[in-house]
PDB file of all heavy atoms in Angstrom:
ATOM      1  N   GLY A   1     137.635  79.984  87.210  1.00  0.00           N
ATOM      2  CA  GLY A   1     138.713  80.062  86.239  1.00  0.00           C
ATOM      3  C   GLY A   1     138.347  80.694  84.918  1.00  0.00           C
ATOM      4  O   GLY A   1     139.168  80.725  83.996  1.00  0.00           O
ATOM      5  N   GLY A   2     137.134  81.209  84.782  1.00  0.00           N
ATOM      6  CA  GLY A   2     136.724  81.785  83.503  1.00  0.00           C
ATOM      7  C   GLY A   2     137.339  83.143  83.236  1.00  0.00           C
ATOM      8  O   GLY A   2     137.990  83.364  82.224  1.00  0.00           O
ATOM      9  N   CYS A   3     137.135  84.090  84.151  1.00  0.00           N
ATOM     10  CA  CYS A   3     137.644  85.446  83.983  1.00  0.00           C
ATOM     11  C   CYS A   3     139.021  85.575  84.633  1.00  0.00           C
ATOM     12  O   CYS A   3     139.210  85.143  85.766  1.00  0.00           O
ATOM     13  CB  CYS A   3     136.692  86.460  84.622  1.00  0.00           C
ATOM     14  SG  CYS A   3     135.069  86.552  83.829  1.00  0.00           S
ATOM     15  N   VAL A   4     139.945  86.198  83.915  1.00  0.00           N
ATOM     16  CA  VAL A   4     141.281  86.417  84.483  1.00  0.00           C
ATOM     17  C   VAL A   4     141.632  87.902  84.533  1.00  0.00           C
ATOM     18  O   VAL A   4     142.688  88.263  85.046  1.00  0.00           O
ATOM     19  CB  VAL A   4     142.373  85.666  83.675  1.00  0.00           C
ATOM     20  CG1 VAL A   4     142.141  84.170  83.733  1.00  0.00           C
ATOM     21  CG2 VAL A   4     142.437  86.168  82.236  1.00  0.00           C
ATOM     22  N   TYR A   5     140.732  88.761  84.022  1.00  0.00           N
ATOM     23  CA  TYR A   5     141.061  90.185  83.919  1.00  0.00           C
ATOM     24  C   TYR A   5     140.079  91.089  84.645  1.00  0.00           C
ATOM     25  O   TYR A   5     139.982  92.272  84.328  1.00  0.00           O
ATOM     26  CB  TYR A   5     141.113  90.601  82.450  1.00  0.00           C
ATOM     27  CG  TYR A   5     142.324  90.112  81.699  1.00  0.00           C
ATOM     28  CD1 TYR A   5     142.197  89.440  80.488  1.00  0.00           C
ATOM     29  CD2 TYR A   5     143.606  90.336  82.187  1.00  0.00           C
ATOM     30  CE1 TYR A   5     143.313  89.008  79.791  1.00  0.00           C
ATOM     31  CE2 TYR A   5     144.734  89.897  81.499  1.00  0.00           C
ATOM     32  CZ  TYR A   5     144.575  89.241  80.295  1.00  0.00           C
ATOM     33  OH  TYR A   5     145.677  88.796  79.611  1.00  0.00           O
ATOM     34  N   ARG A   6     139.356  90.585  85.634  1.00  0.00           N
ATOM     35  CA  ARG A   6     138.378  91.443  86.320  1.00  0.00           C
ATOM     36  C   ARG A   6     139.030  92.408  87.307  1.00  0.00           C
ATOM     37  O   ARG A   6     138.370  93.303  87.832  1.00  0.00           O
ATOM     38  CB  ARG A   6     137.327  90.601  87.035  1.00  0.00           C
ATOM     39  CG  ARG A   6     136.402  89.926  86.060  1.00  0.00           C
ATOM     40  CD  ARG A   6     135.008  89.673  86.604  1.00  0.00           C
ATOM     41  NE  ARG A   6     134.127  89.290  85.491  1.00  0.00           N
ATOM     42  CZ  ARG A   6     133.416  90.126  84.773  1.00  0.00           C
ATOM     43  NH1 ARG A   6     133.462  91.416  85.039  1.00  0.00           N
ATOM     44  NH2 ARG A   6     132.658  89.702  83.784  1.00  0.00           N
ATOM     45  N   HIS A   7     140.330  92.252  87.534  1.00  0.00           N
ATOM     46  CA  HIS A   7     141.029  93.124  88.468  1.00  0.00           C
ATOM     47  C   HIS A   7     141.740  94.287  87.784  1.00  0.00           C
ATOM     48  O   HIS A   7     142.383  95.097  88.450  1.00  0.00           O
ATOM     49  CB  HIS A   7     142.052  92.313  89.269  1.00  0.00           C
ATOM     50  CG  HIS A   7     143.114  91.700  88.420  1.00  0.00           C
ATOM     51  ND1 HIS A   7     142.861  90.721  87.486  1.00  0.00           N
ATOM     52  CD2 HIS A   7     144.461  91.936  88.339  1.00  0.00           C
ATOM     53  CE1 HIS A   7     143.978  90.367  86.877  1.00  0.00           C
ATOM     54  NE2 HIS A   7     144.967  91.102  87.375  1.00  0.00           N
ATOM     55  N   ILE A   8     141.643  94.375  86.425  1.00  0.00           N
ATOM     56  CA  ILE A   8     142.270  95.488  85.710  1.00  0.00           C
ATOM     57  C   ILE A   8     141.234  96.157  84.813  1.00  0.00           C
ATOM     58  O   ILE A   8     140.190  95.577  84.491  1.00  0.00           O
ATOM     59  CB  ILE A   8     143.493  95.046  84.874  1.00  0.00           C
ATOM     60  CG1 ILE A   8     143.086  94.048  83.777  1.00  0.00           C
ATOM     61  CG2 ILE A   8     144.584  94.461  85.768  1.00  0.00           C
ATOM     62  CD1 ILE A   8     144.227  93.679  82.833  1.00  0.00           C
ATOM     63  N   SER A   9     141.512  97.390  84.396  1.00  0.00           N
ATOM     64  CA  SER A   9     140.585  98.135  83.545  1.00  0.00           C
ATOM     65  C   SER A   9     140.465  97.456  82.188  1.00  0.00           C
ATOM     66  O   SER A   9     141.352  96.697  81.759  1.00  0.00           O
ATOM     67  CB  SER A   9     141.069  99.567  83.356  1.00  0.00           C
ATOM     68  OG  SER A   9     142.243  99.599  82.558  1.00  0.00           O
ATOM     69  N   TYR A  10     139.358  97.743  81.499  1.00  0.00           N
ATOM     70  CA  TYR A  10     139.173  97.133  80.184  1.00  0.00           C
ATOM     71  C   TYR A  10     140.219  97.623  79.196  1.00  0.00           C
ATOM     72  O   TYR A  10     140.693  96.869  78.347  1.00  0.00           O
ATOM     73  CB  TYR A  10     137.752  97.386  79.666  1.00  0.00           C
ATOM     74  CG  TYR A  10     137.433  96.580  78.422  1.00  0.00           C
ATOM     75  CD1 TYR A  10     137.680  95.211  78.389  1.00  0.00           C
ATOM     76  CD2 TYR A  10     136.914  97.179  77.294  1.00  0.00           C
ATOM     77  CE1 TYR A  10     137.409  94.449  77.261  1.00  0.00           C
ATOM     78  CE2 TYR A  10     136.632  96.431  76.153  1.00  0.00           C
ATOM     79  CZ  TYR A  10     136.887  95.066  76.141  1.00  0.00           C
ATOM     80  OH  TYR A  10     136.626  94.322  75.008  1.00  0.00           O
ATOM     81  N   ASP A  11     140.624  98.886  79.293  1.00  0.00           N
ATOM     82  CA  ASP A  11     141.696  99.400  78.418  1.00  0.00           C
ATOM     83  C   ASP A  11     142.988  98.618  78.633  1.00  0.00           C
ATOM     84  O   ASP A  11     143.691  98.287  77.665  1.00  0.00           O
ATOM     85  CB  ASP A  11     141.941 100.886  78.703  1.00  0.00           C
ATOM     86  CG  ASP A  11     140.884 101.782  78.083  1.00  0.00           C
ATOM     87  OD1 ASP A  11     140.125 101.299  77.218  1.00  0.00           O
ATOM     88  OD2 ASP A  11     140.802 102.961  78.478  1.00  0.00           O
ATOM     89  N   ALA A  12     143.299  98.326  79.894  1.00  0.00           N
ATOM     90  CA  ALA A  12     144.517  97.553  80.177  1.00  0.00           C
ATOM     91  C   ALA A  12     144.397  96.134  79.625  1.00  0.00           C
ATOM     92  O   ALA A  12     145.379  95.567  79.112  1.00  0.00           O
ATOM     93  CB  ALA A  12     144.770  97.521  81.682  1.00  0.00           C
ATOM     94  N   GLU A  13     143.219  95.553  79.715  1.00  0.00           N
ATOM     95  CA  GLU A  13     142.992  94.226  79.144  1.00  0.00           C
ATOM     96  C   GLU A  13     143.223  94.228  77.635  1.00  0.00           C
ATOM     97  O   GLU A  13     143.872  93.320  77.090  1.00  0.00           O
ATOM     98  CB  GLU A  13     141.571  93.754  79.463  1.00  0.00           C
ATOM     99  CG  GLU A  13     141.213  92.413  78.844  1.00  0.00           C
ATOM    100  CD  GLU A  13     139.766  91.999  79.107  1.00  0.00           C
ATOM    101  OE1 GLU A  13     139.127  92.589  80.000  1.00  0.00           O
ATOM    102  OE2 GLU A  13     139.292  91.109  78.401  1.00  0.00           O
ATOM    103  N   LEU A  14     142.698  95.234  76.961  1.00  0.00           N
ATOM    104  CA  LEU A  14     142.881  95.318  75.516  1.00  0.00           C
ATOM    105  C   LEU A  14     144.339  95.463  75.141  1.00  0.00           C
ATOM    106  O   LEU A  14     144.817  94.833  74.185  1.00  0.00           O
ATOM    107  CB  LEU A  14     142.061  96.468  74.948  1.00  0.00           C
ATOM    108  CG  LEU A  14     140.538  96.318  74.990  1.00  0.00           C
ATOM    109  CD1 LEU A  14     139.857  97.562  74.435  1.00  0.00           C
ATOM    110  CD2 LEU A  14     140.078  95.081  74.232  1.00  0.00           C
ATOM    111  N   ARG A  15     145.079  96.264  75.901  1.00  0.00           N
ATOM    112  CA  ARG A  15     146.517  96.398  75.632  1.00  0.00           C
ATOM    113  C   ARG A  15     147.224  95.065  75.786  1.00  0.00           C
ATOM    114  O   ARG A  15     148.095  94.705  74.977  1.00  0.00           O
ATOM    115  CB  ARG A  15     147.143  97.430  76.574  1.00  0.00           C
ATOM    116  CG  ARG A  15     146.698  98.864  76.336  1.00  0.00           C
ATOM    117  CD  ARG A  15     147.639  99.854  77.010  1.00  0.00           C
ATOM    118  NE  ARG A  15     147.798  99.643  78.447  1.00  0.00           N
ATOM    119  CZ  ARG A  15     147.019 100.181  79.369  1.00  0.00           C
ATOM    120  NH1 ARG A  15     146.003 100.975  79.010  1.00  0.00           N
ATOM    121  NH2 ARG A  15     147.241  99.964  80.660  1.00  0.00           N
ATOM    122  N   ALA A  16     146.847  94.323  76.827  1.00  0.00           N
ATOM    123  CA  ALA A  16     147.484  93.028  77.067  1.00  0.00           C
ATOM    124  C   ALA A  16     147.188  92.044  75.933  1.00  0.00           C
ATOM    125  O   ALA A  16     148.066  91.295  75.484  1.00  0.00           O
ATOM    126  CB  ALA A  16     147.000  92.453  78.400  1.00  0.00           C
ATOM    127  N   LYS A  17     145.965  92.046  75.442  1.00  0.00           N
ATOM    128  CA  LYS A  17     145.591  91.120  74.381  1.00  0.00           C
ATOM    129  C   LYS A  17     146.258  91.498  73.059  1.00  0.00           C
ATOM    130  O   LYS A  17     146.718  90.619  72.306  1.00  0.00           O
ATOM    131  CB  LYS A  17     144.069  91.066  74.246  1.00  0.00           C
ATOM    132  CG  LYS A  17     143.419  90.365  75.424  1.00  0.00           C
ATOM    133  CD  LYS A  17     141.905  90.279  75.309  1.00  0.00           C
ATOM    134  CE  LYS A  17     141.343  89.422  76.447  1.00  0.00           C
ATOM    135  NZ  LYS A  17     139.877  89.308  76.394  1.00  0.00           N
ATOM    136  N   GLU A  18     146.314  92.780  72.773  1.00  0.00           N
ATOM    137  CA  GLU A  18     147.022  93.208  71.565  1.00  0.00           C
ATOM    138  C   GLU A  18     148.491  92.795  71.629  1.00  0.00           C
ATOM    139  O   GLU A  18     149.060  92.326  70.640  1.00  0.00           O
ATOM    140  CB  GLU A  18     146.910  94.723  71.399  1.00  0.00           C
ATOM    141  CG  GLU A  18     147.530  95.246  70.118  1.00  0.00           C
ATOM    142  CD  GLU A  18     147.358  96.752  69.983  1.00  0.00           C
ATOM    143  OE1 GLU A  18     146.202  97.187  69.802  1.00  0.00           O
ATOM    144  OE2 GLU A  18     148.370  97.471  70.055  1.00  0.00           O
ATOM    145  N   GLN A  19     149.090  92.932  72.809  1.00  0.00           N
ATOM    146  CA  GLN A  19     150.490  92.548  72.969  1.00  0.00           C
ATOM    147  C   GLN A  19     150.675  91.045  72.809  1.00  0.00           C
ATOM    148  O   GLN A  19     151.675  90.592  72.226  1.00  0.00           O
ATOM    149  CB  GLN A  19     151.015  92.993  74.325  1.00  0.00           C
ATOM    150  CG  GLN A  19     152.515  92.761  74.528  1.00  0.00           C
ATOM    151  CD  GLN A  19     153.353  93.550  73.533  1.00  0.00           C
ATOM    152  OE1 GLN A  19     153.087  94.713  73.283  1.00  0.00           O
ATOM    153  NE2 GLN A  19     154.383  92.905  72.978  1.00  0.00           N
ATOM    154  N   SER A  20     149.709  90.245  73.302  1.00  0.00           N
ATOM    155  CA  SER A  20     149.842  88.787  73.176  1.00  0.00           C
ATOM    156  C   SER A  20     149.805  88.367  71.713  1.00  0.00           C
ATOM    157  O   SER A  20     150.511  87.433  71.302  1.00  0.00           O
ATOM    158  CB  SER A  20     148.751  88.086  73.976  1.00  0.00           C
ATOM    159  OG  SER A  20     147.487  88.189  73.359  1.00  0.00           O
ATOM    160  N   VAL A  21     148.991  89.037  70.891  1.00  0.00           N
ATOM    161  CA  VAL A  21     148.950  88.735  69.462  1.00  0.00           C
ATOM    162  C   VAL A  21     150.256  89.165  68.811  1.00  0.00           C
ATOM    163  O   VAL A  21     150.861  88.415  68.016  1.00  0.00           O
ATOM    164  CB  VAL A  21     147.748  89.432  68.797  1.00  0.00           C
ATOM    165  CG1 VAL A  21     147.805  89.275  67.276  1.00  0.00           C
ATOM    166  CG2 VAL A  21     146.433  88.868  69.331  1.00  0.00           C
ATOM    167  N   ARG A  22     150.741  90.357  69.126  1.00  0.00           N
ATOM    168  CA  ARG A  22     152.010  90.854  68.592  1.00  0.00           C
ATOM    169  C   ARG A  22     153.147  89.881  68.924  1.00  0.00           C
ATOM    170  O   ARG A  22     153.939  89.509  68.048  1.00  0.00           O
ATOM    171  CB  ARG A  22     152.316  92.242  69.180  1.00  0.00           C
ATOM    172  CG  ARG A  22     153.623  92.851  68.708  1.00  0.00           C
ATOM    173  CD  ARG A  22     153.884  94.182  69.406  1.00  0.00           C
ATOM    174  NE  ARG A  22     152.960  95.232  68.992  1.00  0.00           N
ATOM    175  CZ  ARG A  22     151.986  95.731  69.767  1.00  0.00           C
ATOM    176  NH1 ARG A  22     151.813  95.272  71.017  1.00  0.00           N
ATOM    177  NH2 ARG A  22     151.214  96.685  69.312  1.00  0.00           N
ATOM    178  N   ASP A  23     153.197  89.436  70.190  1.00  0.00           N
ATOM    179  CA  ASP A  23     154.255  88.527  70.622  1.00  0.00           C
ATOM    180  C   ASP A  23     154.201  87.198  69.880  1.00  0.00           C
ATOM    181  O   ASP A  23     155.241  86.658  69.451  1.00  0.00           O
ATOM    182  CB  ASP A  23     154.166  88.278  72.127  1.00  0.00           C
ATOM    183  CG  ASP A  23     154.537  89.504  72.956  1.00  0.00           C
ATOM    184  OD1 ASP A  23     155.146  90.438  72.394  1.00  0.00           O
ATOM    185  OD2 ASP A  23     154.201  89.519  74.158  1.00  0.00           O
ATOM    186  N   ALA A  24     152.995  86.638  69.723  1.00  0.00           N
ATOM    187  CA  ALA A  24     152.852  85.345  69.049  1.00  0.00           C
ATOM    188  C   ALA A  24     153.292  85.436  67.589  1.00  0.00           C
ATOM    189  O   ALA A  24     153.984  84.550  67.073  1.00  0.00           O
ATOM    190  CB  ALA A  24     151.416  84.853  69.147  1.00  0.00           C
ATOM    191  N   PHE A  25     152.876  86.505  66.913  1.00  0.00           N
ATOM    192  CA  PHE A  25     153.229  86.654  65.499  1.00  0.00           C
ATOM    193  C   PHE A  25     154.737  86.833  65.319  1.00  0.00           C
ATOM    194  O   PHE A  25     155.312  86.336  64.344  1.00  0.00           O
ATOM    195  CB  PHE A  25     152.458  87.811  64.878  1.00  0.00           C
ATOM    196  CG  PHE A  25     151.101  87.424  64.339  1.00  0.00           C
ATOM    197  CD1 PHE A  25     150.154  86.832  65.164  1.00  0.00           C
ATOM    198  CD2 PHE A  25     150.791  87.617  63.012  1.00  0.00           C
ATOM    199  CE1 PHE A  25     148.914  86.454  64.683  1.00  0.00           C
ATOM    200  CE2 PHE A  25     149.553  87.241  62.502  1.00  0.00           C
ATOM    201  CZ  PHE A  25     148.605  86.655  63.337  1.00  0.00           C
ATOM    202  N   ARG A  26     155.391  87.509  66.256  1.00  0.00           N
ATOM    203  CA  ARG A  26     156.839  87.684  66.141  1.00  0.00           C
ATOM    204  C   ARG A  26     157.596  86.441  66.565  1.00  0.00           C
ATOM    205  O   ARG A  26     158.509  85.974  65.866  1.00  0.00           O
ATOM    206  CB  ARG A  26     157.284  88.889  67.003  1.00  0.00           C
ATOM    207  CG  ARG A  26     156.875  90.214  66.404  1.00  0.00           C
ATOM    208  CD  ARG A  26     157.350  91.387  67.229  1.00  0.00           C
ATOM    209  NE  ARG A  26     156.965  92.657  66.594  1.00  0.00           N
ATOM    210  CZ  ARG A  26     157.129  93.846  67.132  1.00  0.00           C
ATOM    211  NH1 ARG A  26     157.672  93.963  68.341  1.00  0.00           N
ATOM    212  NH2 ARG A  26     156.753  94.943  66.490  1.00  0.00           N
ATOM    213  N   ARG A  27     157.228  85.894  67.700  1.00  0.00           N
ATOM    214  CA  ARG A  27     157.996  84.796  68.283  1.00  0.00           C
ATOM    215  C   ARG A  27     157.774  83.491  67.519  1.00  0.00           C
ATOM    216  O   ARG A  27     158.717  82.730  67.276  1.00  0.00           O
ATOM    217  CB  ARG A  27     157.621  84.630  69.756  1.00  0.00           C
ATOM    218  CG  ARG A  27     158.322  83.494  70.476  1.00  0.00           C
ATOM    219  CD  ARG A  27     158.001  83.527  71.964  1.00  0.00           C
ATOM    220  NE  ARG A  27     156.564  83.613  72.216  1.00  0.00           N
ATOM    221  CZ  ARG A  27     155.749  82.555  72.259  1.00  0.00           C
ATOM    222  NH1 ARG A  27     156.231  81.341  72.055  1.00  0.00           N
ATOM    223  NH2 ARG A  27     154.465  82.700  72.505  1.00  0.00           N
ATOM    224  N   ILE A  28     156.523  83.212  67.160  1.00  0.00           N
ATOM    225  CA  ILE A  28     156.190  81.925  66.535  1.00  0.00           C
ATOM    226  C   ILE A  28     156.187  82.040  65.015  1.00  0.00           C
ATOM    227  O   ILE A  28     156.681  81.153  64.310  1.00  0.00           O
ATOM    228  CB  ILE A  28     154.826  81.425  67.045  1.00  0.00           C
ATOM    229  CG1 ILE A  28     154.882  81.207  68.565  1.00  0.00           C
ATOM    230  CG2 ILE A  28     154.412  80.139  66.327  1.00  0.00           C
ATOM    231  CD1 ILE A  28     153.543  80.933  69.201  1.00  0.00           C
ATOM    232  N   GLY A  29     155.623  83.132  64.495  1.00  0.00           N
ATOM    233  CA  GLY A  29     155.507  83.267  63.044  1.00  0.00           C
ATOM    234  C   GLY A  29     156.691  83.941  62.388  1.00  0.00           C
ATOM    235  O   GLY A  29     156.878  83.806  61.171  1.00  0.00           O
ATOM    236  N   GLY A  30     157.482  84.689  63.175  1.00  0.00           N
ATOM    237  CA  GLY A  30     158.607  85.419  62.580  1.00  0.00           C
ATOM    238  C   GLY A  30     158.185  86.662  61.818  1.00  0.00           C
ATOM    239  O   GLY A  30     158.944  87.158  60.975  1.00  0.00           O
ATOM    240  N   PHE A  31     156.974  87.180  62.111  1.00  0.00           N
ATOM    241  CA  PHE A  31     156.465  88.359  61.413  1.00  0.00           C
ATOM    242  C   PHE A  31     156.774  89.604  62.241  1.00  0.00           C
ATOM    243  O   PHE A  31     156.455  89.667  63.429  1.00  0.00           O
ATOM    244  CB  PHE A  31     154.949  88.244  61.195  1.00  0.00           C
ATOM    245  CG  PHE A  31     154.532  87.045  60.405  1.00  0.00           C
ATOM    246  CD1 PHE A  31     153.893  85.969  61.025  1.00  0.00           C
ATOM    247  CD2 PHE A  31     154.801  86.972  59.044  1.00  0.00           C
ATOM    248  CE1 PHE A  31     153.509  84.862  60.299  1.00  0.00           C
ATOM    249  CE2 PHE A  31     154.418  85.858  58.311  1.00  0.00           C
ATOM    250  CZ  PHE A  31     153.781  84.805  58.928  1.00  0.00           C
ATOM    251  N   GLU A  32     157.351  90.591  61.592  1.00  0.00           N
ATOM    252  CA  GLU A  32     157.741  91.817  62.303  1.00  0.00           C
ATOM    253  C   GLU A  32     156.705  92.935  62.177  1.00  0.00           C
ATOM    254  O   GLU A  32     156.841  93.974  62.815  1.00  0.00           O
ATOM    255  CB  GLU A  32     159.093  92.321  61.768  1.00  0.00           C
ATOM    256  CG  GLU A  32     160.264  91.402  62.096  1.00  0.00           C
ATOM    257  CD  GLU A  32     160.453  91.203  63.600  1.00  0.00           C
ATOM    258  OE1 GLU A  32     160.280  92.181  64.357  1.00  0.00           O
ATOM    259  OE2 GLU A  32     160.765  90.070  64.006  1.00  0.00           O
ATOM    260  N   GLN A  33     155.673  92.744  61.348  1.00  0.00           N
ATOM    261  CA  GLN A  33     154.664  93.793  61.190  1.00  0.00           C
ATOM    262  C   GLN A  33     153.960  94.073  62.506  1.00  0.00           C
ATOM    263  O   GLN A  33     153.809  93.199  63.351  1.00  0.00           O
ATOM    264  CB  GLN A  33     153.599  93.391  60.159  1.00  0.00           C
ATOM    265  CG  GLN A  33     154.110  93.261  58.745  1.00  0.00           C
ATOM    266  CD  GLN A  33     154.298  91.822  58.365  1.00  0.00           C
ATOM    267  OE1 GLN A  33     154.927  91.045  59.119  1.00  0.00           O
ATOM    268  NE2 GLN A  33     153.784  91.426  57.224  1.00  0.00           N
ATOM    269  N   GLU A  34     153.499  95.317  62.631  1.00  0.00           N
ATOM    270  CA  GLU A  34     152.674  95.699  63.764  1.00  0.00           C
ATOM    271  C   GLU A  34     151.223  95.341  63.473  1.00  0.00           C
ATOM    272  O   GLU A  34     150.746  95.510  62.342  1.00  0.00           O
ATOM    273  CB  GLU A  34     152.781  97.209  64.011  1.00  0.00           C
ATOM    274  CG  GLU A  34     153.997  97.623  64.819  1.00  0.00           C
ATOM    275  CD  GLU A  34     153.903  97.131  66.262  1.00  0.00           C
ATOM    276  OE1 GLU A  34     152.944  97.486  66.962  1.00  0.00           O
ATOM    277  OE2 GLU A  34     154.802  96.377  66.675  1.00  0.00           O
ATOM    278  N   PRO A  35     150.491  94.851  64.457  1.00  0.00           N
ATOM    279  CA  PRO A  35     149.056  94.619  64.235  1.00  0.00           C
ATOM    280  C   PRO A  35     148.301  95.937  64.123  1.00  0.00           C
ATOM    281  O   PRO A  35     148.742  96.960  64.652  1.00  0.00           O
ATOM    282  CB  PRO A  35     148.624  93.858  65.498  1.00  0.00           C
ATOM    283  CG  PRO A  35     149.582  94.296  66.547  1.00  0.00           C
ATOM    284  CD  PRO A  35     150.893  94.510  65.840  1.00  0.00           C
ATOM    285  N   GLU A  36     147.188  95.913  63.417  1.00  0.00           N
ATOM    286  CA  GLU A  36     146.282  97.041  63.492  1.00  0.00           C
ATOM    287  C   GLU A  36     145.742  97.126  64.923  1.00  0.00           C
ATOM    288  O   GLU A  36     145.689  96.108  65.629  1.00  0.00           O
ATOM    289  CB  GLU A  36     145.153  96.882  62.482  1.00  0.00           C
ATOM    290  CG  GLU A  36     145.620  96.946  61.037  1.00  0.00           C
ATOM    291  CD  GLU A  36     144.472  97.005  60.045  1.00  0.00           C
ATOM    292  OE1 GLU A  36     143.306  97.003  60.481  1.00  0.00           O
ATOM    293  OE2 GLU A  36     144.749  97.060  58.842  1.00  0.00           O
ATOM    294  N   PRO A  37     145.339  98.305  65.393  1.00  0.00           N
ATOM    295  CA  PRO A  37     144.881  98.428  66.783  1.00  0.00           C
ATOM    296  C   PRO A  37     143.727  97.470  67.093  1.00  0.00           C
ATOM    297  O   PRO A  37     142.847  97.256  66.253  1.00  0.00           O
ATOM    298  CB  PRO A  37     144.421  99.886  66.870  1.00  0.00           C
ATOM    299  CG  PRO A  37     145.193 100.590  65.801  1.00  0.00           C
ATOM    300  CD  PRO A  37     145.355  99.595  64.684  1.00  0.00           C
TER     301      PRO A  37
END
């Protein structure tokens, strides 16, 4: 249960993680700013 992203490329993993931060800040914090890359 440690690794959940070994089946996708590292670039795809980074995109997913950036999106998860963006989603949390918008949905929970109400912040509309874009994260830095």
